């Protein structure tokens, strides 16, 4: 199968998967207890006012009519209107998306660096102290709840040592003009060193917390795949020719070991963004995760399903990109 046909097939397969996700999200949200209109009006409005508002929002229509209206709106880029604020859901999500993206990229870089370098070194020094510590670290980080780890990081580095801020994205007194919504990048583009330092300090705790937790997956996979690669014949042949161990590890063994791991890394990047909900809530990070928690609290159905659909589409897009990259690296994937 040619690469072009492979890409077309993957995109076509994503369409029914997205439709199934839409069906599940739409109908599951509708069975959540509580009346979103009553929650929006504060619970003090009369029944007549509530019914009038429900009719205005189309909530009295048959459930299938509501569903197809929602799907029709999606084709126009309309995720609905928030019952809480009256604003388009897509606008609210796009305002918070840069914060989630910045946190996700920062945490992902930390996870990849730890996973690749420590995992490969642990494989090279198998059953030595560096490997034993790596396995212990991996098991601990995999088991620890991210919100509890975040609270401990806040307590130690924020409240006790007072090294870093424990909440928010940037200091209230720091002012600068946004360009992309990514504060670190915007600060560099503006040449504003003070805002860069403030943004970095606020990003460190949530980013390190999320990155260390995810690094356990990468570390374990890199270690296991590198161990298998180091036992292959071409590596033994390289050792016999006297090639230095580090050169064998990084130029030969690790390169081949990373091919199957790229898929997992790409999917973890997407899941990392969707899974940042607890981290954002713990650190009061103004991203999509904290936005979703707030909307759930107020039963804002359009905003809830809009945020979940946004996450789902993002995961599907990342998945397609990862599969295309794998097909480029390893042509056997196309078959």
C-alpha atoms as a PDB file:
ATOM      1  CA  UNK A   1       0.000   0.000   0.000  1.00  0.00           C
ATOM      2  CA  UNK A   2       1.371   3.413  -0.936  1.00  0.00           C
ATOM      3  CA  UNK A   3       1.862   6.034   1.746  1.00  0.00           C
ATOM      4  CA  UNK A   4      -0.873   8.226   0.253  1.00  0.00           C
ATOM      5  CA  UNK A   5      -3.418   5.400   0.307  1.00  0.00           C
ATOM      6  CA  UNK A   6      -2.365   4.487   3.838  1.00  0.00           C
ATOM      7  CA  UNK A   7      -3.005   8.068   5.022  1.00  0.00           C
ATOM      8  CA  UNK A   8      -6.411   8.119   3.304  1.00  0.00           C
ATOM      9  CA  UNK A   9      -7.389   4.813   4.928  1.00  0.00           C
ATOM     10  CA  UNK A  10      -6.363   6.018   8.410  1.00  0.00           C
ATOM     11  CA  UNK A  11      -8.374   9.232   8.015  1.00  0.00           C
ATOM     12  CA  UNK A  12     -11.437   7.339   6.777  1.00  0.00           C
ATOM     13  CA  UNK A  13     -11.196   4.906   9.697  1.00  0.00           C
ATOM     14  CA  UNK A  14     -11.098   7.844  12.112  1.00  0.00           C
ATOM     15  CA  UNK A  15     -14.492   9.128  10.941  1.00  0.00           C
ATOM     16  CA  UNK A  16     -16.667   6.276  12.344  1.00  0.00           C
ATOM     17  CA  UNK A  17     -14.557   6.264  15.514  1.00  0.00           C
ATOM     18  CA  UNK A  18     -15.249   9.965  16.000  1.00  0.00           C
ATOM     19  CA  UNK A  19     -18.961   9.444  15.344  1.00  0.00           C
ATOM     20  CA  UNK A  20     -19.140   6.701  17.987  1.00  0.00           C
ATOM     21  CA  UNK A  21     -17.369   9.009  20.442  1.00  0.00           C
ATOM     22  CA  UNK A  22     -19.886  11.763  19.710  1.00  0.00           C
ATOM     23  CA  UNK A  23     -22.797   9.403  20.344  1.00  0.00           C
ATOM     24  CA  UNK A  24     -21.343   8.160  23.627  1.00  0.00           C
ATOM     25  CA  UNK A  25     -20.414  11.628  24.870  1.00  0.00           C
ATOM     26  CA  UNK A  26     -23.747  13.189  23.944  1.00  0.00           C
ATOM     27  CA  UNK A  27     -25.986  10.553  25.502  1.00  0.00           C
ATOM     28  CA  UNK A  28     -23.869   9.885  28.608  1.00  0.00           C
ATOM     29  CA  UNK A  29     -23.880  13.599  29.473  1.00  0.00           C
ATOM     30  CA  UNK A  30     -27.669  13.654  29.115  1.00  0.00           C
ATOM     31  CA  UNK A  31     -28.065  11.077  31.910  1.00  0.00           C
ATOM     32  CA  UNK A  32     -26.052  13.144  34.406  1.00  0.00           C
ATOM     33  CA  UNK A  33     -28.381  14.005  37.318  1.00  0.00           C
ATOM     34  CA  UNK A  34     -29.532  17.608  37.640  1.00  0.00           C
ATOM     35  CA  UNK A  35     -31.111  20.274  35.473  1.00  0.00           C
ATOM     36  CA  UNK A  36     -28.544  22.522  33.744  1.00  0.00           C
ATOM     37  CA  UNK A  37     -31.073  25.343  33.368  1.00  0.00           C
ATOM     38  CA  UNK A  38     -31.952  25.276  37.070  1.00  0.00           C
ATOM     39  CA  UNK A  39     -28.227  25.291  37.901  1.00  0.00           C
ATOM     40  CA  UNK A  40     -27.640  28.172  35.477  1.00  0.00           C
ATOM     41  CA  UNK A  41     -30.464  30.259  36.976  1.00  0.00           C
ATOM     42  CA  UNK A  42     -29.294  29.613  40.523  1.00  0.00           C
ATOM     43  CA  UNK A  43     -32.174  27.388  41.612  1.00  0.00           C
ATOM     44  CA  UNK A  44     -34.386  30.361  42.550  1.00  0.00           C
ATOM     45  CA  UNK A  45     -36.208  30.906  39.260  1.00  0.00           C
ATOM     46  CA  UNK A  46     -39.854  29.971  38.834  1.00  0.00           C
ATOM     47  CA  UNK A  47     -40.834  26.898  36.853  1.00  0.00           C
ATOM     48  CA  UNK A  48     -42.210  29.108  34.066  1.00  0.00           C
ATOM     49  CA  UNK A  49     -38.873  30.880  33.662  1.00  0.00           C
ATOM     50  CA  UNK A  50     -37.035  27.546  33.685  1.00  0.00           C
ATOM     51  CA  UNK A  51     -39.316  26.077  31.018  1.00  0.00           C
ATOM     52  CA  UNK A  52     -38.976  29.177  28.849  1.00  0.00           C
ATOM     53  CA  UNK A  53     -35.183  28.975  29.079  1.00  0.00           C
ATOM     54  CA  UNK A  54     -35.225  25.250  28.285  1.00  0.00           C
ATOM     55  CA  UNK A  55     -37.310  25.922  25.186  1.00  0.00           C
ATOM     56  CA  UNK A  56     -34.924  28.715  24.148  1.00  0.00           C
ATOM     57  CA  UNK A  57     -31.947  26.362  24.437  1.00  0.00           C
ATOM     58  CA  UNK A  58     -33.757  23.560  22.597  1.00  0.00           C
ATOM     59  CA  UNK A  59     -33.657  21.208  25.588  1.00  0.00           C
ATOM     60  CA  UNK A  60     -37.350  20.350  25.176  1.00  0.00           C
ATOM     61  CA  UNK A  61     -36.737  18.900  21.702  1.00  0.00           C
ATOM     62  CA  UNK A  62     -36.589  15.099  21.302  1.00  0.00           C
ATOM     63  CA  UNK A  63     -33.158  13.749  22.196  1.00  0.00           C
ATOM     64  CA  UNK A  64     -32.403  12.635  18.625  1.00  0.00           C
ATOM     65  CA  UNK A  65     -33.287  16.081  17.291  1.00  0.00           C
ATOM     66  CA  UNK A  66     -30.887  17.628  19.806  1.00  0.00           C
ATOM     67  CA  UNK A  67     -28.169  15.177  18.763  1.00  0.00           C
ATOM     68  CA  UNK A  68     -28.411  15.835  15.032  1.00  0.00           C
ATOM     69  CA  UNK A  69     -28.556  19.581  15.643  1.00  0.00           C
ATOM     70  CA  UNK A  70     -25.343  19.260  17.653  1.00  0.00           C
ATOM     71  CA  UNK A  71     -23.622  17.163  14.959  1.00  0.00           C
ATOM     72  CA  UNK A  72     -24.732  19.657  12.323  1.00  0.00           C
ATOM     73  CA  UNK A  73     -23.212  22.458  14.356  1.00  0.00           C
ATOM     74  CA  UNK A  74     -19.907  20.562  14.618  1.00  0.00           C
ATOM     75  CA  UNK A  75     -19.558  20.550  10.835  1.00  0.00           C
ATOM     76  CA  UNK A  76     -19.708  24.359  11.041  1.00  0.00           C
ATOM     77  CA  UNK A  77     -17.142  24.507  13.853  1.00  0.00           C
ATOM     78  CA  UNK A  78     -19.840  25.196  16.447  1.00  0.00           C
ATOM     79  CA  UNK A  79     -19.391  23.332  19.747  1.00  0.00           C
ATOM     80  CA  UNK A  80     -22.467  24.979  21.206  1.00  0.00           C
ATOM     81  CA  UNK A  81     -23.076  27.866  23.574  1.00  0.00           C
ATOM     82  CA  UNK A  82     -22.256  27.753  27.275  1.00  0.00           C
ATOM     83  CA  UNK A  83     -25.396  27.874  29.417  1.00  0.00           C
ATOM     84  CA  UNK A  84     -23.305  29.415  32.179  1.00  0.00           C
ATOM     85  CA  UNK A  85     -21.740  32.357  30.321  1.00  0.00           C
ATOM     86  CA  UNK A  86     -23.717  32.558  27.073  1.00  0.00           C
ATOM     87  CA  UNK A  87     -20.453  32.537  25.094  1.00  0.00           C
ATOM     88  CA  UNK A  88     -19.505  30.108  22.292  1.00  0.00           C
ATOM     89  CA  UNK A  89     -17.868  27.046  23.829  1.00  0.00           C
ATOM     90  CA  UNK A  90     -15.154  26.958  21.152  1.00  0.00           C
ATOM     91  CA  UNK A  91     -14.066  30.506  22.018  1.00  0.00           C
ATOM     92  CA  UNK A  92     -13.777  29.621  25.720  1.00  0.00           C
ATOM     93  CA  UNK A  93     -11.807  26.453  24.940  1.00  0.00           C
ATOM     94  CA  UNK A  94      -9.404  28.220  22.581  1.00  0.00           C
ATOM     95  CA  UNK A  95      -8.706  30.819  25.276  1.00  0.00           C
ATOM     96  CA  UNK A  96      -7.567  28.078  27.657  1.00  0.00           C
ATOM     97  CA  UNK A  97      -5.983  25.718  25.134  1.00  0.00           C
ATOM     98  CA  UNK A  98      -2.550  27.452  25.093  1.00  0.00           C
ATOM     99  CA  UNK A  99      -2.211  26.970  28.868  1.00  0.00           C
ATOM    100  CA  UNK A 100      -2.901  23.235  28.582  1.00  0.00           C
ATOM    101  CA  UNK A 101      -0.650  22.926  25.535  1.00  0.00           C
ATOM    102  CA  UNK A 102       2.245  24.687  27.283  1.00  0.00           C
ATOM    103  CA  UNK A 103       1.933  22.478  30.364  1.00  0.00           C
ATOM    104  CA  UNK A 104       1.660  19.341  28.213  1.00  0.00           C
ATOM    105  CA  UNK A 105       4.711  20.121  26.064  1.00  0.00           C
ATOM    106  CA  UNK A 106       6.839  21.025  29.097  1.00  0.00           C
ATOM    107  CA  UNK A 107       5.847  17.831  30.950  1.00  0.00           C
ATOM    108  CA  UNK A 108       6.338  15.732  27.806  1.00  0.00           C
ATOM    109  CA  UNK A 109       9.885  17.036  27.300  1.00  0.00           C
ATOM    110  CA  UNK A 110      10.762  16.162  30.897  1.00  0.00           C
ATOM    111  CA  UNK A 111       9.247  12.685  30.512  1.00  0.00           C
ATOM    112  CA  UNK A 112      11.038  11.987  27.219  1.00  0.00           C
ATOM    113  CA  UNK A 113      14.441  13.169  28.462  1.00  0.00           C
ATOM    114  CA  UNK A 114      14.224  11.064  31.638  1.00  0.00           C
ATOM    115  CA  UNK A 115      12.755   8.076  29.821  1.00  0.00           C
ATOM    116  CA  UNK A 116      15.265   7.939  26.977  1.00  0.00           C
ATOM    117  CA  UNK A 117      18.516   8.739  28.754  1.00  0.00           C
ATOM    118  CA  UNK A 118      17.880   6.984  32.078  1.00  0.00           C
ATOM    119  CA  UNK A 119      16.092   4.069  30.403  1.00  0.00           C
ATOM    120  CA  UNK A 120      18.910   3.456  27.926  1.00  0.00           C
ATOM    121  CA  UNK A 121      21.567   3.784  30.623  1.00  0.00           C
ATOM    122  CA  UNK A 122      19.629   1.365  32.856  1.00  0.00           C
ATOM    123  CA  UNK A 123      19.553  -1.140  29.987  1.00  0.00           C
ATOM    124  CA  UNK A 124      23.292  -0.748  29.436  1.00  0.00           C
ATOM    125  CA  UNK A 125      24.011  -1.238  33.170  1.00  0.00           C
ATOM    126  CA  UNK A 126      21.446  -3.989  33.676  1.00  0.00           C
ATOM    127  CA  UNK A 127      21.079  -5.141  37.320  1.00  0.00           C
ATOM    128  CA  UNK A 128      23.590  -2.506  38.419  1.00  0.00           C
ATOM    129  CA  UNK A 129      22.631   0.254  40.918  1.00  0.00           C
ATOM    130  CA  UNK A 130      21.575   2.674  38.171  1.00  0.00           C
ATOM    131  CA  UNK A 131      19.185   0.032  36.792  1.00  0.00           C
ATOM    132  CA  UNK A 132      17.806  -0.957  40.184  1.00  0.00           C
ATOM    133  CA  UNK A 133      17.130   2.684  41.094  1.00  0.00           C
ATOM    134  CA  UNK A 134      15.517   3.247  37.685  1.00  0.00           C
ATOM    135  CA  UNK A 135      13.155   0.298  38.154  1.00  0.00           C
ATOM    136  CA  UNK A 136      12.236   1.455  41.646  1.00  0.00           C
ATOM    137  CA  UNK A 137      11.615   4.999  40.421  1.00  0.00           C
ATOM    138  CA  UNK A 138       9.491   3.721  37.543  1.00  0.00           C
ATOM    139  CA  UNK A 139       7.285   1.585  39.772  1.00  0.00           C
ATOM    140  CA  UNK A 140       6.894   4.359  42.336  1.00  0.00           C
ATOM    141  CA  UNK A 141       5.952   7.039  39.807  1.00  0.00           C
ATOM    142  CA  UNK A 142       3.593   4.685  38.000  1.00  0.00           C
ATOM    143  CA  UNK A 143       1.747   3.886  41.229  1.00  0.00           C
ATOM    144  CA  UNK A 144       1.585   7.325  42.848  1.00  0.00           C
ATOM    145  CA  UNK A 145      -1.594   9.393  42.210  1.00  0.00           C
ATOM    146  CA  UNK A 146      -0.683  12.539  40.309  1.00  0.00           C
ATOM    147  CA  UNK A 147      -2.872  14.783  42.485  1.00  0.00           C
ATOM    148  CA  UNK A 148      -1.230  13.484  45.703  1.00  0.00           C
ATOM    149  CA  UNK A 149       2.244  13.916  44.200  1.00  0.00           C
ATOM    150  CA  UNK A 150       1.272  17.438  43.168  1.00  0.00           C
ATOM    151  CA  UNK A 151       0.108  18.282  46.683  1.00  0.00           C
ATOM    152  CA  UNK A 152       3.417  16.987  48.108  1.00  0.00           C
ATOM    153  CA  UNK A 153       5.377  19.078  45.602  1.00  0.00           C
ATOM    154  CA  UNK A 154       3.340  22.136  46.598  1.00  0.00           C
ATOM    155  CA  UNK A 155       3.896  21.469  50.291  1.00  0.00           C
ATOM    156  CA  UNK A 156       7.656  20.889  50.016  1.00  0.00           C
ATOM    157  CA  UNK A 157       8.799  23.370  47.362  1.00  0.00           C
ATOM    158  CA  UNK A 158       6.064  25.957  47.697  1.00  0.00           C
ATOM    159  CA  UNK A 159       5.001  26.130  51.333  1.00  0.00           C
ATOM    160  CA  UNK A 160       8.051  24.831  53.218  1.00  0.00           C
ATOM    161  CA  UNK A 161      11.027  25.872  51.093  1.00  0.00           C
ATOM    162  CA  UNK A 162       9.128  28.734  49.399  1.00  0.00           C
ATOM    163  CA  UNK A 163      11.143  28.252  46.209  1.00  0.00           C
ATOM    164  CA  UNK A 164       8.281  28.188  43.715  1.00  0.00           C
ATOM    165  CA  UNK A 165       4.673  29.442  43.462  1.00  0.00           C
ATOM    166  CA  UNK A 166       2.030  26.788  44.068  1.00  0.00           C
ATOM    167  CA  UNK A 167      -0.810  28.046  41.873  1.00  0.00           C
ATOM    168  CA  UNK A 168      -1.624  30.100  38.810  1.00  0.00           C
ATOM    169  CA  UNK A 169       0.196  30.635  35.555  1.00  0.00           C
ATOM    170  CA  UNK A 170       1.984  33.965  36.080  1.00  0.00           C
ATOM    171  CA  UNK A 171       2.259  36.596  38.789  1.00  0.00           C
ATOM    172  CA  UNK A 172      -0.587  39.088  39.100  1.00  0.00           C
ATOM    173  CA  UNK A 173       1.842  42.028  38.937  1.00  0.00           C
ATOM    174  CA  UNK A 174       3.567  40.816  35.760  1.00  0.00           C
ATOM    175  CA  UNK A 175       2.219  42.382  32.590  1.00  0.00           C
ATOM    176  CA  UNK A 176       3.030  41.582  28.985  1.00  0.00           C
ATOM    177  CA  UNK A 177       1.241  41.278  25.666  1.00  0.00           C
ATOM    178  CA  UNK A 178       0.256  37.810  24.512  1.00  0.00           C
ATOM    179  CA  UNK A 179       0.966  36.635  20.972  1.00  0.00           C
ATOM    180  CA  UNK A 180       0.394  32.875  20.911  1.00  0.00           C
ATOM    181  CA  UNK A 181      -0.965  32.366  24.430  1.00  0.00           C
ATOM    182  CA  UNK A 182       2.140  30.329  25.305  1.00  0.00           C
ATOM    183  CA  UNK A 183       3.634  32.529  28.009  1.00  0.00           C
ATOM    184  CA  UNK A 184       7.221  31.271  27.748  1.00  0.00           C
ATOM    185  CA  UNK A 185       7.280  31.695  23.980  1.00  0.00           C
ATOM    186  CA  UNK A 186       5.512  35.062  24.100  1.00  0.00           C
ATOM    187  CA  UNK A 187       7.973  36.362  26.705  1.00  0.00           C
ATOM    188  CA  UNK A 188      10.906  35.388  24.488  1.00  0.00           C
ATOM    189  CA  UNK A 189       9.306  36.945  21.413  1.00  0.00           C
ATOM    190  CA  UNK A 190       8.685  40.165  23.343  1.00  0.00           C
ATOM    191  CA  UNK A 191      12.133  40.093  24.930  1.00  0.00           C
ATOM    192  CA  UNK A 192      10.500  40.336  28.359  1.00  0.00           C
ATOM    193  CA  UNK A 193      12.880  38.516  30.720  1.00  0.00           C
ATOM    194  CA  UNK A 194      10.851  39.297  33.847  1.00  0.00           C
ATOM    195  CA  UNK A 195       7.694  37.686  32.468  1.00  0.00           C
ATOM    196  CA  UNK A 196       9.722  34.696  31.212  1.00  0.00           C
ATOM    197  CA  UNK A 197      11.111  34.076  34.695  1.00  0.00           C
ATOM    198  CA  UNK A 198       7.681  34.453  36.281  1.00  0.00           C
ATOM    199  CA  UNK A 199       6.022  32.115  33.760  1.00  0.00           C
ATOM    200  CA  UNK A 200       8.787  29.515  34.130  1.00  0.00           C
ATOM    201  CA  UNK A 201       8.567  29.556  37.931  1.00  0.00           C
ATOM    202  CA  UNK A 202       4.816  28.956  37.785  1.00  0.00           C
ATOM    203  CA  UNK A 203       5.249  26.199  35.191  1.00  0.00           C
ATOM    204  CA  UNK A 204       7.957  24.237  36.997  1.00  0.00           C
ATOM    205  CA  UNK A 205       5.893  22.569  39.737  1.00  0.00           C
ATOM    206  CA  UNK A 206       2.943  21.352  37.631  1.00  0.00           C
ATOM    207  CA  UNK A 207       5.220  20.513  34.699  1.00  0.00           C
ATOM    208  CA  UNK A 208       7.696  18.490  36.769  1.00  0.00           C
ATOM    209  CA  UNK A 209       4.861  16.758  38.624  1.00  0.00           C
ATOM    210  CA  UNK A 210       3.150  15.621  35.433  1.00  0.00           C
ATOM    211  CA  UNK A 211       6.434  14.899  33.641  1.00  0.00           C
ATOM    212  CA  UNK A 212       7.841  12.656  36.393  1.00  0.00           C
ATOM    213  CA  UNK A 213       4.644  10.619  36.564  1.00  0.00           C
ATOM    214  CA  UNK A 214       4.558  10.053  32.787  1.00  0.00           C
ATOM    215  CA  UNK A 215       8.325   9.408  32.605  1.00  0.00           C
ATOM    216  CA  UNK A 216       7.810   6.100  34.398  1.00  0.00           C
ATOM    217  CA  UNK A 217       6.090   4.688  31.296  1.00  0.00           C
ATOM    218  CA  UNK A 218       8.801   5.890  28.901  1.00  0.00           C
ATOM    219  CA  UNK A 219      11.648   4.769  31.187  1.00  0.00           C
ATOM    220  CA  UNK A 220      10.328   1.240  31.485  1.00  0.00           C
ATOM    221  CA  UNK A 221       9.616   0.875  27.759  1.00  0.00           C
ATOM    222  CA  UNK A 222      12.973   2.308  26.665  1.00  0.00           C
ATOM    223  CA  UNK A 223      14.795   0.066  29.131  1.00  0.00           C
ATOM    224  CA  UNK A 224      13.010  -3.115  28.036  1.00  0.00           C
ATOM    225  CA  UNK A 225      13.318  -2.430  24.304  1.00  0.00           C
ATOM    226  CA  UNK A 226      16.969  -1.410  24.593  1.00  0.00           C
ATOM    227  CA  UNK A 227      17.795  -4.605  26.515  1.00  0.00           C
ATOM    228  CA  UNK A 228      16.283  -6.653  23.676  1.00  0.00           C
ATOM    229  CA  UNK A 229      18.216  -4.650  21.091  1.00  0.00           C
ATOM    230  CA  UNK A 230      21.512  -5.001  22.973  1.00  0.00           C
ATOM    231  CA  UNK A 231      21.236  -8.802  22.729  1.00  0.00           C
ATOM    232  CA  UNK A 232      20.904  -8.739  18.923  1.00  0.00           C
ATOM    233  CA  UNK A 233      23.626 -10.093  16.642  1.00  0.00           C
ATOM    234  CA  UNK A 234      24.633  -6.766  15.076  1.00  0.00           C
ATOM    235  CA  UNK A 235      25.279  -5.272  18.537  1.00  0.00           C
ATOM    236  CA  UNK A 236      27.422  -8.285  19.493  1.00  0.00           C
ATOM    237  CA  UNK A 237      29.303  -7.852  16.231  1.00  0.00           C
ATOM    238  CA  UNK A 238      29.889  -4.164  16.980  1.00  0.00           C
ATOM    239  CA  UNK A 239      31.243  -5.039  20.424  1.00  0.00           C
ATOM    240  CA  UNK A 240      33.562  -7.613  18.879  1.00  0.00           C
ATOM    241  CA  UNK A 241      34.995  -4.932  16.574  1.00  0.00           C
ATOM    242  CA  UNK A 242      35.874  -2.827  19.614  1.00  0.00           C
ATOM    243  CA  UNK A 243      33.354  -0.013  19.066  1.00  0.00           C
ATOM    244  CA  UNK A 244      32.887   1.986  22.330  1.00  0.00           C
ATOM    245  CA  UNK A 245      29.855   0.986  24.392  1.00  0.00           C
ATOM    246  CA  UNK A 246      28.273   4.449  24.443  1.00  0.00           C
ATOM    247  CA  UNK A 247      28.517   4.690  20.662  1.00  0.00           C
ATOM    248  CA  UNK A 248      26.858   1.287  20.300  1.00  0.00           C
ATOM    249  CA  UNK A 249      24.161   2.295  22.745  1.00  0.00           C
ATOM    250  CA  UNK A 250      23.217   5.684  21.335  1.00  0.00           C
ATOM    251  CA  UNK A 251      23.997   5.296  17.620  1.00  0.00           C
ATOM    252  CA  UNK A 252      22.823   1.737  17.052  1.00  0.00           C
ATOM    253  CA  UNK A 253      20.851   0.061  19.834  1.00  0.00           C
ATOM    254  CA  UNK A 254      18.788   3.025  21.043  1.00  0.00           C
ATOM    255  CA  UNK A 255      17.911   4.172  17.520  1.00  0.00           C
ATOM    256  CA  UNK A 256      16.351   0.803  16.689  1.00  0.00           C
ATOM    257  CA  UNK A 257      14.776   0.407  20.112  1.00  0.00           C
ATOM    258  CA  UNK A 258      12.917   3.718  19.779  1.00  0.00           C
ATOM    259  CA  UNK A 259      10.987   2.764  16.622  1.00  0.00           C
ATOM    260  CA  UNK A 260       8.194   0.836  18.440  1.00  0.00           C
ATOM    261  CA  UNK A 261       8.249   3.353  21.315  1.00  0.00           C
ATOM    262  CA  UNK A 262       7.446   6.325  19.075  1.00  0.00           C
ATOM    263  CA  UNK A 263       3.833   5.180  18.812  1.00  0.00           C
ATOM    264  CA  UNK A 264       3.460   5.049  22.573  1.00  0.00           C
ATOM    265  CA  UNK A 265       5.152   8.438  22.981  1.00  0.00           C
ATOM    266  CA  UNK A 266       2.825  10.052  20.463  1.00  0.00           C
ATOM    267  CA  UNK A 267      -0.273   8.591  22.082  1.00  0.00           C
ATOM    268  CA  UNK A 268       0.995   9.582  25.520  1.00  0.00           C
ATOM    269  CA  UNK A 269       1.378  13.172  24.291  1.00  0.00           C
ATOM    270  CA  UNK A 270      -2.304  13.193  23.350  1.00  0.00           C
ATOM    271  CA  UNK A 271      -3.374  11.414  26.534  1.00  0.00           C
ATOM    272  CA  UNK A 272      -1.137  13.718  28.552  1.00  0.00           C
ATOM    273  CA  UNK A 273      -3.166  16.691  27.374  1.00  0.00           C
ATOM    274  CA  UNK A 274      -6.443  14.936  28.158  1.00  0.00           C
ATOM    275  CA  UNK A 275      -5.089  13.661  31.469  1.00  0.00           C
ATOM    276  CA  UNK A 276      -3.871  17.035  32.713  1.00  0.00           C
ATOM    277  CA  UNK A 277      -7.246  17.594  34.415  1.00  0.00           C
ATOM    278  CA  UNK A 278      -6.083  16.561  37.891  1.00  0.00           C
ATOM    279  CA  UNK A 279      -2.788  18.439  37.605  1.00  0.00           C
ATOM    280  CA  UNK A 280      -4.496  21.630  36.444  1.00  0.00           C
ATOM    281  CA  UNK A 281      -7.028  21.376  39.263  1.00  0.00           C
ATOM    282  CA  UNK A 282      -4.318  20.780  41.873  1.00  0.00           C
ATOM    283  CA  UNK A 283      -2.220  23.761  40.740  1.00  0.00           C
ATOM    284  CA  UNK A 284      -5.146  26.048  39.735  1.00  0.00           C
ATOM    285  CA  UNK A 285      -3.734  26.038  36.205  1.00  0.00           C
ATOM    286  CA  UNK A 286      -6.146  27.900  33.885  1.00  0.00           C
ATOM    287  CA  UNK A 287      -6.308  25.259  31.155  1.00  0.00           C
ATOM    288  CA  UNK A 288      -9.005  23.119  29.582  1.00  0.00           C
ATOM    289  CA  UNK A 289      -8.835  20.591  32.411  1.00  0.00           C
ATOM    290  CA  UNK A 290      -9.781  23.066  35.123  1.00  0.00           C
ATOM    291  CA  UNK A 291     -12.357  24.525  32.708  1.00  0.00           C
ATOM    292  CA  UNK A 292     -13.971  21.097  32.363  1.00  0.00           C
ATOM    293  CA  UNK A 293     -14.117  20.575  36.144  1.00  0.00           C
ATOM    294  CA  UNK A 294     -15.766  23.971  36.607  1.00  0.00           C
ATOM    295  CA  UNK A 295     -18.370  23.261  33.925  1.00  0.00           C
ATOM    296  CA  UNK A 296     -19.163  19.856  35.425  1.00  0.00           C
ATOM    297  CA  UNK A 297     -19.780  21.537  38.763  1.00  0.00           C
ATOM    298  CA  UNK A 298     -22.364  23.858  37.163  1.00  0.00           C
ATOM    299  CA  UNK A 299     -23.819  21.178  34.852  1.00  0.00           C
ATOM    300  CA  UNK A 300     -23.011  23.210  31.764  1.00  0.00           C
ATOM    301  CA  UNK A 301     -23.779  20.424  29.260  1.00  0.00           C
ATOM    302  CA  UNK A 302     -22.709  22.199  26.031  1.00  0.00           C
ATOM    303  CA  UNK A 303     -19.373  23.205  27.571  1.00  0.00           C
ATOM    304  CA  UNK A 304     -18.776  19.718  29.021  1.00  0.00           C
ATOM    305  CA  UNK A 305     -19.424  17.890  25.788  1.00  0.00           C
ATOM    306  CA  UNK A 306     -17.566  20.570  23.821  1.00  0.00           C
ATOM    307  CA  UNK A 307     -14.419  20.151  25.933  1.00  0.00           C
ATOM    308  CA  UNK A 308     -14.579  16.351  25.725  1.00  0.00           C
ATOM    309  CA  UNK A 309     -15.157  16.420  21.963  1.00  0.00           C
ATOM    310  CA  UNK A 310     -12.215  18.831  21.601  1.00  0.00           C
ATOM    311  CA  UNK A 311      -9.985  16.422  23.551  1.00  0.00           C
ATOM    312  CA  UNK A 312     -11.253  13.460  21.494  1.00  0.00           C
ATOM    313  CA  UNK A 313     -10.555  15.172  18.168  1.00  0.00           C
ATOM    314  CA  UNK A 314      -7.087  16.165  19.370  1.00  0.00           C
ATOM    315  CA  UNK A 315      -6.288  12.562  20.394  1.00  0.00           C
ATOM    316  CA  UNK A 316      -7.498  11.223  17.029  1.00  0.00           C
ATOM    317  CA  UNK A 317      -5.397  13.773  15.099  1.00  0.00           C
ATOM    318  CA  UNK A 318      -2.273  12.942  17.116  1.00  0.00           C
ATOM    319  CA  UNK A 319      -2.950   9.239  16.598  1.00  0.00           C
ATOM    320  CA  UNK A 320      -3.144   9.698  12.811  1.00  0.00           C
ATOM    321  CA  UNK A 321       0.070  11.775  12.781  1.00  0.00           C
ATOM    322  CA  UNK A 322       1.902   9.122  14.823  1.00  0.00           C
ATOM    323  CA  UNK A 323       0.760   6.347  12.482  1.00  0.00           C
ATOM    324  CA  UNK A 324       1.924   8.346   9.464  1.00  0.00           C
ATOM    325  CA  UNK A 325       5.341   8.912  11.080  1.00  0.00           C
ATOM    326  CA  UNK A 326       5.590   5.188  11.832  1.00  0.00           C
ATOM    327  CA  UNK A 327       4.729   4.382   8.223  1.00  0.00           C
ATOM    328  CA  UNK A 328       7.512   6.721   7.075  1.00  0.00           C
ATOM    329  CA  UNK A 329      10.054   5.186   9.455  1.00  0.00           C
ATOM    330  CA  UNK A 330       9.027   1.563   8.912  1.00  0.00           C
ATOM    331  CA  UNK A 331       7.307   0.824   5.555  1.00  0.00           C
ATOM    332  CA  UNK A 332       6.161  -2.568   6.917  1.00  0.00           C
ATOM    333  CA  UNK A 333       3.544  -0.735   8.995  1.00  0.00           C
ATOM    334  CA  UNK A 334       1.591   0.075   5.811  1.00  0.00           C
ATOM    335  CA  UNK A 335       0.935  -3.631   5.272  1.00  0.00           C
END
